Amino acid sequence: MERDERRARARQLTDELTALGVRAVALTFVDNAGVTRVKTVPVARLAHAAAWGVGMSPVFDVFLLDDSITTSRHVGGPVGDLRLFPDLEQLTVLVAQPGWAWAPADRLTQEGEPYVCCQRSFARTNAERAGELRMAFEVEWFVGLDDAATPAGQGPAYGMTRLVELSSYVDSVLGALEAQEVPVEQFHPEYAPGQLELSVAATDPVSAADRLILVRQTIRAVSRSFGYHVSFAPVVVAGQVGNGQHLHLSAWAGGGNQFTGGPGPYGLTTAAENLLAELLDRLPALAAIGAPSVASYLRLVPQHWAAPYQCWGRENREAALRLVTGSLGERDTAANAELKCFDGAANPYLLVGAVAAIAAGVADGSRSLPSEVPIDPALLPDAEQPPRLPQRVEEAVAALRADKLLTAALGEPLLEAFCAVRQAEVELFRDAEPAAIAEASRWIY
């Protein structure tokens, strides 16, 4: 939208928000540490924010998870300013935060140009190049009674007991999401103590990342109203199963799902098999973005259903690339692929943008997927096991830097700022034990 159009639309929204009792709007972006940052404006200033933006320092691109600050070749220090522009089409009244609304923001320079390190702009640019992709994140989270991570429910994994214990809480979460028009498709208690999960409907890549931020913010607000502590961290308690943030995707063309009806494995079209083969090859580099924190590698271990192996399989939940065909009769809409190795420390805009960049860069041809791994890879003889994904942040960052497609898509300023944060967090936890790493990151994301 042009400035006058944005201002006019914001004035219309201001009247609607005021009638609903909304007093302030939270404008968010996600930094390279995976932390959602915010500036807010009173409703009366929304039109000005929509037209001219809200000031925000670029230094947040080199913030660490503990709010310490590093620097990079292009970003760092106290000098400079950006403008946060709310996406008015995504503006949502926050049901669990009376008096508040929310909108994701794009970051522009003071001259009105796209900021080269804006992760949401990175996602949009690559999604537009990639054709029709649909994506959705699964959301796993821990609900605790206190900051010592005492689970809010004692019931067994996937058990009805846990659902009964948290019934009112879950009802409030689902009710708030419904009122905010977030299409929830499934909910259940998960494996780890106090862990829950919900899935939402697929949409375009940028909206999928926006939706994840809204879902997590809603869960956080509802949890606070119940007096609960909530964590989306990769590992809540060292040694236990952690929180994933799996990314589902499918490719479409001419109204048809490319993950079914073709000559490839389980009905994949040639285009879909090309895409999955490319994603599989680049999973070590994608791990730097999708499993970016030191805590991520406490989670990404064998036989914890964290999918630490660079392989694929139909419905194999220990393969990093899981092919989901759907049941017979619904495969034209349900077939998709799940990237299981990612977690809640990831910046979702960087992740969907990176996947979209790979999709946009897939050359025409007929690449074949390697042989499927149909069992838990850890049960195979050592010589037959597929490669492990990176086991440390440093390995993942090295794989990212070696990936010419992704480094070109990110551009040097964003790449260097991101890698600077990753390296600084490695140094931050250089001598820390797993329990200390888990504790330090537990309530951050």
Protein backbone atom coordinates (compact mmCIF):
# COMPACT_ATOMS: atom_id res chain seq x y z
CA MET A 1 0.00 0.00 0.00
CA GLU A 2 1.07 3.59 -0.59
CA ARG A 3 1.37 5.89 2.40
CA ASP A 4 -2.02 7.60 1.92
CA GLU A 5 -3.74 4.24 1.50
CA ARG A 6 -2.07 2.85 4.62
CA ARG A 7 -3.07 5.89 6.63
CA ALA A 8 -6.70 5.73 5.44
CA ARG A 9 -6.92 2.03 6.21
CA ALA A 10 -5.38 2.57 9.65
CA ARG A 11 -7.91 5.31 10.46
CA GLN A 12 -10.72 2.93 9.61
CA LEU A 13 -9.17 0.27 11.84
CA THR A 14 -8.69 2.82 14.62
CA ASP A 15 -12.43 3.44 14.78
CA GLU A 16 -13.11 -0.31 14.86
CA LEU A 17 -10.47 -0.98 17.51
CA THR A 18 -11.64 1.89 19.69
CA ALA A 19 -15.21 0.56 19.58
CA LEU A 20 -13.84 -2.80 20.81
CA GLY A 21 -12.01 -1.21 23.73
CA VAL A 22 -8.52 -1.65 22.27
CA ARG A 23 -6.08 0.95 23.56
CA ALA A 24 -2.73 -0.15 22.12
CA VAL A 25 -1.26 -2.13 19.25
CA ALA A 26 1.83 -4.33 19.64
CA LEU A 27 4.11 -4.34 16.59
CA THR A 28 6.46 -7.32 16.52
CA PHE A 29 9.42 -8.70 14.65
CA VAL A 30 11.65 -11.68 15.45
CA ASP A 31 15.40 -11.18 15.83
CA ASN A 32 18.24 -13.48 14.87
CA ALA A 33 18.27 -15.04 18.33
CA GLY A 34 14.68 -16.20 17.78
CA VAL A 35 13.23 -13.75 20.30
CA THR A 36 10.06 -11.83 19.44
CA ARG A 37 10.72 -8.12 20.02
CA VAL A 38 8.04 -5.45 20.23
CA LYS A 39 7.19 -1.77 20.12
CA THR A 40 3.69 -0.53 20.82
CA VAL A 41 1.60 2.46 19.83
CA PRO A 42 -1.65 3.77 21.29
CA VAL A 43 -4.56 3.19 18.96
CA ALA A 44 -4.75 6.91 18.26
CA ARG A 45 -1.23 6.74 16.77
CA LEU A 46 -1.87 3.74 14.53
CA ALA A 47 -2.48 5.86 11.43
CA HIS A 48 0.82 7.69 11.93
CA ALA A 49 2.62 4.38 12.45
CA ALA A 50 1.05 2.95 9.30
CA ALA A 51 2.12 5.97 7.28
CA TRP A 52 5.56 6.70 8.73
CA GLY A 53 6.56 3.69 10.79
CA VAL A 54 7.86 3.44 14.35
CA GLY A 55 11.52 3.86 15.21
CA MET A 56 13.60 0.79 16.10
CA SER A 57 17.36 0.42 16.26
CA PRO A 58 19.03 -2.07 13.88
CA VAL A 59 21.16 -3.28 16.80
CA PHE A 60 18.47 -5.84 17.68
CA ASP A 61 19.78 -7.99 14.82
CA VAL A 62 22.83 -8.75 16.99
CA PHE A 63 21.02 -9.29 20.30
CA LEU A 64 21.59 -12.65 21.98
CA LEU A 65 19.00 -14.68 23.85
CA ASP A 66 20.15 -13.19 27.19
CA ASP A 67 19.88 -9.61 25.79
CA SER A 68 23.64 -9.18 25.62
CA ILE A 69 24.81 -7.68 22.33
CA THR A 70 27.42 -8.77 19.83
CA THR A 71 28.39 -7.10 16.56
CA SER A 72 28.91 -8.04 12.93
CA ARG A 73 30.55 -6.64 9.82
CA HIS A 74 27.45 -4.69 8.78
CA VAL A 75 25.25 -4.46 11.90
CA GLY A 76 26.09 -3.46 15.45
CA GLY A 77 26.46 -0.52 17.77
CA PRO A 78 24.18 2.33 18.81
CA VAL A 79 24.11 4.29 15.54
CA GLY A 80 21.25 4.20 13.03
CA ASP A 81 17.50 3.75 12.99
CA LEU A 82 14.81 1.80 11.17
CA ARG A 83 11.05 2.09 10.87
CA LEU A 84 8.60 -0.65 11.86
CA PHE A 85 5.57 -0.69 9.55
CA PRO A 86 2.59 -2.74 10.76
CA ASP A 87 0.98 -5.14 8.30
CA LEU A 88 -2.57 -3.90 8.65
CA GLU A 89 -4.03 -6.91 6.87
CA GLN A 90 -2.74 -9.16 9.66
CA LEU A 91 -3.82 -6.89 12.55
CA THR A 92 -5.62 -8.96 15.19
CA VAL A 93 -7.41 -8.09 18.42
CA LEU A 94 -5.77 -10.15 21.18
CA VAL A 95 -8.57 -11.92 23.01
CA ALA A 96 -6.36 -13.05 25.90
CA GLN A 97 -4.90 -9.55 26.37
CA PRO A 98 -7.83 -7.17 26.91
CA GLY A 99 -7.15 -3.72 25.50
CA TRP A 100 -4.52 -4.95 23.03
CA ALA A 101 -4.21 -5.70 19.34
CA TRP A 102 -1.23 -7.06 17.44
CA ALA A 103 0.31 -6.77 13.99
CA PRO A 104 3.53 -8.17 12.54
CA ALA A 105 5.86 -5.51 11.23
CA ASP A 106 8.18 -5.05 8.28
CA ARG A 107 11.38 -3.08 8.83
CA LEU A 108 12.28 -0.34 6.38
CA THR A 109 15.01 2.27 6.34
CA GLN A 110 14.23 5.88 7.16
CA GLU A 111 14.26 6.50 3.41
CA GLY A 112 11.47 3.97 2.98
CA GLU A 113 13.62 1.27 1.38
CA PRO A 114 13.44 -2.40 2.43
CA TYR A 115 15.97 -3.11 5.17
CA VAL A 116 18.46 -5.74 4.03
CA CYS A 117 18.29 -7.60 7.36
CA CYS A 118 14.48 -7.67 7.67
CA GLN A 119 13.65 -11.35 8.15
CA ARG A 120 9.99 -10.92 7.22
CA SER A 121 10.94 -9.20 3.96
CA PHE A 122 13.40 -12.03 3.29
CA ALA A 123 10.56 -14.52 3.72
CA ARG A 124 8.23 -12.58 1.44
CA THR A 125 10.80 -12.07 -1.33
CA ASN A 126 11.65 -15.75 -1.54
CA ALA A 127 8.05 -16.91 -1.18
CA GLU A 128 7.11 -14.76 -4.17
CA ARG A 129 9.90 -16.38 -6.21
CA ALA A 130 9.02 -19.93 -5.18
CA GLY A 131 5.58 -20.32 -6.69
CA GLU A 132 2.67 -21.65 -4.67
CA LEU A 133 3.91 -23.11 -1.40
CA ARG A 134 1.71 -23.87 1.60
CA MET A 135 3.24 -24.14 5.03
CA ALA A 136 2.24 -24.61 8.65
CA PHE A 137 4.11 -24.95 11.93
CA GLU A 138 3.27 -27.42 14.65
CA VAL A 139 3.49 -25.77 18.08
CA GLU A 140 4.76 -27.71 21.09
CA TRP A 141 5.00 -26.10 24.50
CA PHE A 142 5.53 -26.85 28.17
CA VAL A 143 3.12 -25.65 30.85
CA GLY A 144 4.63 -25.27 34.31
CA LEU A 145 3.46 -24.30 37.77
CA ASP A 146 6.60 -22.34 38.62
CA ASP A 147 9.94 -21.20 37.23
CA ALA A 148 11.49 -24.44 38.45
CA ALA A 149 9.65 -26.24 35.61
CA THR A 150 7.23 -28.23 37.75
CA PRO A 151 4.68 -29.58 35.23
CA ALA A 152 1.18 -28.14 35.52
CA GLY A 153 -0.29 -31.59 34.92
CA GLN A 154 0.90 -34.96 36.14
CA GLY A 155 -1.02 -37.15 33.70
CA PRO A 156 0.72 -39.56 31.30
CA ALA A 157 1.88 -38.77 27.77
CA TYR A 158 -1.04 -38.36 25.35
CA GLY A 159 -3.27 -39.23 28.29
CA MET A 160 -6.83 -38.16 28.94
CA THR A 161 -5.80 -37.55 32.55
CA ARG A 162 -3.57 -34.68 31.50
CA LEU A 163 -6.33 -33.25 29.36
CA VAL A 164 -8.75 -33.34 32.30
CA GLU A 165 -6.17 -31.69 34.57
CA LEU A 166 -5.71 -28.83 32.09
CA SER A 167 -9.20 -28.81 30.60
CA SER A 168 -10.14 -25.21 31.45
CA TYR A 169 -6.74 -23.94 30.36
CA VAL A 170 -6.88 -25.74 27.03
CA ASP A 171 -10.44 -24.53 26.46
CA SER A 172 -9.26 -20.95 27.00
CA VAL A 173 -6.38 -21.38 24.55
CA LEU A 174 -8.61 -22.88 21.87
CA GLY A 175 -11.35 -20.32 22.51
CA ALA A 176 -8.94 -17.41 22.14
CA LEU A 177 -7.50 -18.79 18.92
CA GLU A 178 -10.97 -19.38 17.50
CA ALA A 179 -11.99 -15.82 18.32
CA GLN A 180 -8.85 -14.61 16.54
CA GLU A 181 -9.77 -16.71 13.48
CA VAL A 182 -6.78 -19.01 13.79
CA PRO A 183 -7.82 -22.36 12.25
CA VAL A 184 -6.70 -25.04 14.70
CA GLU A 185 -6.80 -28.51 13.16
CA GLN A 186 -5.66 -30.70 16.07
CA PHE A 187 -4.66 -30.57 19.73
CA HIS A 188 -3.27 -33.19 22.13
CA PRO A 189 -1.12 -33.70 25.22
CA GLU A 190 2.41 -34.54 24.12
CA TYR A 191 5.09 -36.92 25.39
CA ALA A 192 7.15 -34.92 27.88
CA PRO A 193 5.74 -33.95 31.31
CA GLY A 194 3.55 -30.85 31.03
CA GLN A 195 3.90 -30.76 27.24
CA LEU A 196 1.08 -29.93 24.83
CA GLU A 197 0.82 -29.55 21.06
CA LEU A 198 -1.51 -28.03 18.51
CA SER A 199 -1.52 -27.87 14.73
CA VAL A 200 -2.95 -25.10 12.57
CA ALA A 201 -4.04 -25.02 8.94
CA ALA A 202 -1.53 -24.39 6.16
CA THR A 203 -1.31 -21.04 4.42
CA ASP A 204 1.27 -19.06 2.44
CA PRO A 205 4.80 -18.98 3.94
CA VAL A 206 4.76 -15.45 5.40
CA SER A 207 1.31 -15.91 6.89
CA ALA A 208 2.44 -19.25 8.36
CA ALA A 209 5.24 -17.45 10.22
CA ASP A 210 2.86 -14.65 11.29
CA ARG A 211 0.37 -17.24 12.52
CA LEU A 212 3.03 -18.96 14.60
CA ILE A 213 3.89 -15.71 16.37
CA LEU A 214 0.20 -15.05 17.07
CA VAL A 215 -0.39 -18.58 18.36
CA ARG A 216 2.59 -18.44 20.69
CA GLN A 217 1.64 -15.00 21.97
CA THR A 218 -1.90 -16.20 22.64
CA ILE A 219 -0.69 -19.30 24.48
CA ARG A 220 1.67 -17.13 26.52
CA ALA A 221 -1.09 -14.71 27.52
CA VAL A 222 -3.60 -17.42 28.41
CA SER A 223 -0.95 -19.23 30.45
CA ARG A 224 -0.20 -16.07 32.41
CA SER A 225 -3.89 -15.59 33.20
CA PHE A 226 -3.89 -19.07 34.79
CA GLY A 227 -0.69 -18.36 36.71
CA TYR A 228 1.25 -20.85 34.57
CA HIS A 229 4.76 -20.55 33.18
CA VAL A 230 5.09 -21.50 29.54
CA SER A 231 8.12 -22.54 27.49
CA PHE A 232 8.64 -23.06 23.76
CA ALA A 233 12.36 -23.73 24.26
CA PRO A 234 14.05 -26.67 22.50
CA VAL A 235 14.75 -28.29 25.87
CA VAL A 236 12.92 -27.45 29.08
CA VAL A 237 14.73 -29.94 31.32
CA ALA A 238 18.04 -31.40 30.16
CA GLY A 239 17.77 -35.08 29.28
CA GLN A 240 14.03 -34.96 28.59
CA VAL A 241 12.22 -34.81 25.26
CA GLY A 242 12.14 -31.20 24.08
CA ASN A 243 9.79 -28.91 22.15
CA GLY A 244 9.84 -29.21 18.39
CA GLN A 245 8.55 -26.62 15.95
CA HIS A 246 8.06 -28.84 12.93
CA LEU A 247 7.44 -27.23 9.55
CA HIS A 248 4.95 -28.81 7.15
CA LEU A 249 4.98 -27.82 3.49
CA SER A 250 3.42 -28.71 0.18
CA ALA A 251 3.84 -27.34 -3.34
CA TRP A 252 0.89 -26.60 -5.60
CA ALA A 253 0.46 -25.83 -9.30
CA GLY A 254 -2.70 -25.18 -11.28
CA GLY A 255 -4.81 -25.90 -8.22
CA GLY A 256 -3.26 -29.33 -7.73
CA ASN A 257 -1.12 -30.67 -4.92
CA GLN A 258 2.29 -31.70 -6.31
CA PHE A 259 2.81 -34.18 -3.47
CA THR A 260 0.34 -36.67 -4.91
CA GLY A 261 -0.78 -38.13 -8.23
CA GLY A 262 2.69 -38.38 -9.76
CA PRO A 263 5.07 -41.17 -10.81
CA GLY A 264 7.49 -40.80 -7.90
CA PRO A 265 7.62 -42.52 -4.51
CA TYR A 266 4.17 -42.63 -2.90
CA GLY A 267 2.74 -40.53 -5.74
CA LEU A 268 5.14 -37.59 -5.65
CA THR A 269 5.24 -35.62 -8.88
CA THR A 270 8.60 -35.01 -10.50
CA ALA A 271 8.56 -31.40 -9.28
CA ALA A 272 7.80 -32.48 -5.70
CA GLU A 273 10.52 -35.14 -5.71
CA ASN A 274 13.00 -32.57 -7.03
CA LEU A 275 12.06 -30.23 -4.19
CA LEU A 276 12.32 -32.86 -1.47
CA ALA A 277 15.66 -34.13 -2.79
CA GLU A 278 16.98 -30.56 -2.70
CA LEU A 279 15.68 -29.96 0.82
CA LEU A 280 17.16 -33.25 2.01
CA ASP A 281 20.59 -32.33 0.62
CA ARG A 282 20.49 -28.93 2.31
CA LEU A 283 19.21 -30.03 5.72
CA PRO A 284 22.59 -29.52 7.44
CA ALA A 285 22.58 -25.88 6.31
CA LEU A 286 18.90 -25.47 7.19
CA ALA A 287 19.66 -26.80 10.67
CA ALA A 288 21.60 -23.60 11.36
CA ILE A 289 18.37 -21.66 10.85
CA GLY A 290 15.78 -24.15 12.12
CA ALA A 291 17.74 -25.55 15.08
CA PRO A 292 19.87 -22.50 15.79
CA SER A 293 20.57 -22.44 19.51
CA VAL A 294 23.02 -24.24 21.75
CA ALA A 295 19.96 -25.78 23.46
CA SER A 296 18.76 -27.11 20.09
CA TYR A 297 21.52 -29.70 20.14
CA LEU A 298 20.46 -30.98 23.55
CA ARG A 299 17.18 -31.89 21.81
CA LEU A 300 18.50 -33.13 18.47
CA VAL A 301 19.63 -36.57 19.65
CA PRO A 302 18.69 -40.10 18.52
CA GLN A 303 15.63 -41.94 19.79
CA HIS A 304 13.98 -38.83 21.23
CA TRP A 305 11.73 -38.38 18.16
CA ALA A 306 13.68 -35.23 17.35
CA ALA A 307 14.68 -36.50 13.87
CA PRO A 308 18.46 -36.03 14.02
CA TYR A 309 19.22 -38.03 10.87
CA GLN A 310 19.59 -36.69 7.32
CA CYS A 311 17.18 -39.08 5.69
CA TRP A 312 13.57 -39.39 4.61
CA GLY A 313 10.78 -41.88 5.14
CA ARG A 314 7.05 -42.16 4.88
CA GLU A 315 5.67 -41.52 8.37
CA ASN A 316 9.13 -42.02 9.89
CA ARG A 317 9.25 -39.69 12.88
CA GLU A 318 12.97 -40.15 13.42
CA ALA A 319 13.78 -39.06 9.85
CA ALA A 320 14.40 -35.34 9.46
CA LEU A 321 12.23 -35.36 6.34
CA ARG A 322 8.96 -37.18 6.95
CA LEU A 323 6.64 -37.75 4.00
CA VAL A 324 2.99 -37.53 5.02
CA THR A 325 0.78 -39.02 2.31
CA GLY A 326 -2.52 -38.75 4.16
CA SER A 327 -5.15 -41.45 4.18
CA LEU A 328 -6.50 -42.93 0.98
CA GLY A 329 -9.23 -40.65 -0.33
CA GLU A 330 -7.84 -37.35 1.01
CA ARG A 331 -4.34 -37.33 -0.42
CA ASP A 332 -5.09 -34.63 -2.97
CA THR A 333 -5.40 -32.16 -0.10
CA ALA A 334 -3.52 -33.82 2.77
CA ALA A 335 -0.21 -34.97 1.24
CA ASN A 336 2.73 -32.91 2.49
CA ALA A 337 6.25 -33.14 3.85
CA GLU A 338 7.31 -32.43 7.42
CA LEU A 339 10.72 -31.07 8.36
CA LYS A 340 10.98 -32.46 11.87
CA CYS A 341 14.41 -31.35 13.02
CA PHE A 342 13.46 -27.73 13.79
CA ASP A 343 12.54 -26.19 17.14
CA GLY A 344 11.11 -23.16 18.90
CA ALA A 345 14.38 -21.21 19.00
CA ALA A 346 14.13 -20.64 15.24
CA ASN A 347 13.10 -17.35 13.68
CA PRO A 348 10.12 -18.60 11.64
CA TYR A 349 10.52 -15.92 8.97
CA LEU A 350 14.11 -16.94 8.31
CA LEU A 351 13.06 -20.57 8.19
CA VAL A 352 10.16 -20.26 5.76
CA GLY A 353 12.24 -17.86 3.68
CA ALA A 354 15.14 -20.29 3.49
CA VAL A 355 12.86 -23.19 2.50
CA ALA A 356 11.19 -20.97 -0.10
CA ALA A 357 14.61 -19.93 -1.44
CA ILE A 358 15.48 -23.60 -1.95
CA ALA A 359 12.13 -24.19 -3.68
CA ALA A 360 12.74 -21.20 -5.95
CA GLY A 361 16.22 -22.47 -6.79
CA VAL A 362 15.23 -26.02 -7.71
CA ALA A 363 16.31 -26.63 -11.30
CA ASP A 364 14.06 -28.40 -13.75
CA GLY A 365 14.99 -32.04 -13.99
CA SER A 366 14.26 -35.39 -12.47
CA ARG A 367 16.32 -35.70 -9.31
CA SER A 368 15.51 -38.83 -7.38
CA LEU A 369 15.29 -39.16 -3.65
CA PRO A 370 17.75 -41.62 -2.14
CA SER A 371 16.48 -44.85 -0.69
CA GLU A 372 13.85 -44.42 1.99
CA VAL A 373 14.73 -45.25 5.60
CA PRO A 374 11.66 -47.17 6.82
CA ILE A 375 12.77 -47.77 10.44
CA ASP A 376 14.37 -45.90 13.31
CA PRO A 377 17.81 -45.06 11.86
CA ALA A 378 19.45 -45.65 15.25
CA LEU A 379 18.54 -49.33 14.99
CA LEU A 380 20.52 -49.84 11.80
CA PRO A 381 24.09 -51.14 11.96
CA ASP A 382 26.54 -48.26 12.27
CA ALA A 383 27.78 -48.68 8.72
CA GLU A 384 24.22 -48.45 7.34
CA GLN A 385 22.99 -45.47 9.32
CA PRO A 386 22.28 -42.28 7.38
CA PRO A 387 24.36 -39.22 8.21
CA ARG A 388 23.62 -37.39 11.43
CA LEU A 389 22.61 -33.78 11.13
CA PRO A 390 25.02 -31.30 12.75
CA GLN A 391 25.54 -32.00 16.42
CA ARG A 392 26.78 -28.55 17.37
CA VAL A 393 25.92 -24.99 16.38
CA GLU A 394 29.37 -24.54 14.85
CA GLU A 395 28.83 -27.47 12.46
CA ALA A 396 25.46 -26.15 11.35
CA VAL A 397 26.79 -22.62 10.77
CA ALA A 398 29.68 -24.02 8.72
CA ALA A 399 27.18 -25.94 6.57
CA LEU A 400 25.12 -22.77 6.09
CA ARG A 401 28.18 -20.74 5.07
CA ALA A 402 29.10 -23.44 2.55
CA ASP A 403 25.64 -23.38 0.92
CA LYS A 404 25.92 -20.94 -1.98
CA LEU A 405 22.20 -20.81 -2.67
CA LEU A 406 21.21 -19.92 0.89
CA THR A 407 24.05 -17.47 1.46
CA ALA A 408 23.12 -15.66 -1.76
CA ALA A 409 19.45 -15.59 -0.77
CA LEU A 410 20.21 -14.22 2.70
CA GLY A 411 22.69 -11.64 1.47
CA GLU A 412 25.88 -10.76 3.30
CA PRO A 413 24.48 -8.33 5.93
CA LEU A 414 21.77 -10.71 7.14
CA LEU A 415 24.04 -13.77 6.93
CA GLU A 416 26.83 -12.11 8.90
CA ALA A 417 24.50 -10.76 11.60
CA PHE A 418 22.84 -14.14 12.00
CA CYS A 419 26.15 -16.03 12.18
CA ALA A 420 27.56 -13.48 14.64
CA VAL A 421 24.65 -14.17 17.01
CA ARG A 422 25.08 -17.90 16.67
CA GLN A 423 28.82 -17.75 17.38
CA ALA A 424 28.36 -15.38 20.32
CA GLU A 425 25.83 -17.75 21.90
CA VAL A 426 28.30 -20.61 21.47
CA GLU A 427 30.83 -18.57 23.44
CA LEU A 428 28.20 -17.64 26.02
CA PHE A 429 27.62 -21.32 26.81
CA ARG A 430 31.15 -22.56 26.10
CA ASP A 431 31.69 -24.06 29.56
CA ALA A 432 28.05 -24.58 30.58
CA GLU A 433 26.61 -27.96 31.53
CA PRO A 434 23.41 -29.14 29.79
CA ALA A 435 21.27 -28.34 32.84
CA ALA A 436 22.56 -24.77 32.88
CA ILE A 437 21.96 -24.35 29.14
CA ALA A 438 18.39 -25.61 29.49
CA GLU A 439 17.71 -23.35 32.47
CA ALA A 440 19.14 -20.26 30.75
CA SER A 441 16.99 -20.71 27.64
CA ARG A 442 13.84 -22.15 29.27
CA TRP A 443 11.70 -19.02 29.44
CA ILE A 444 13.24 -17.02 26.59
CA TYR A 445 11.36 -18.16 23.47
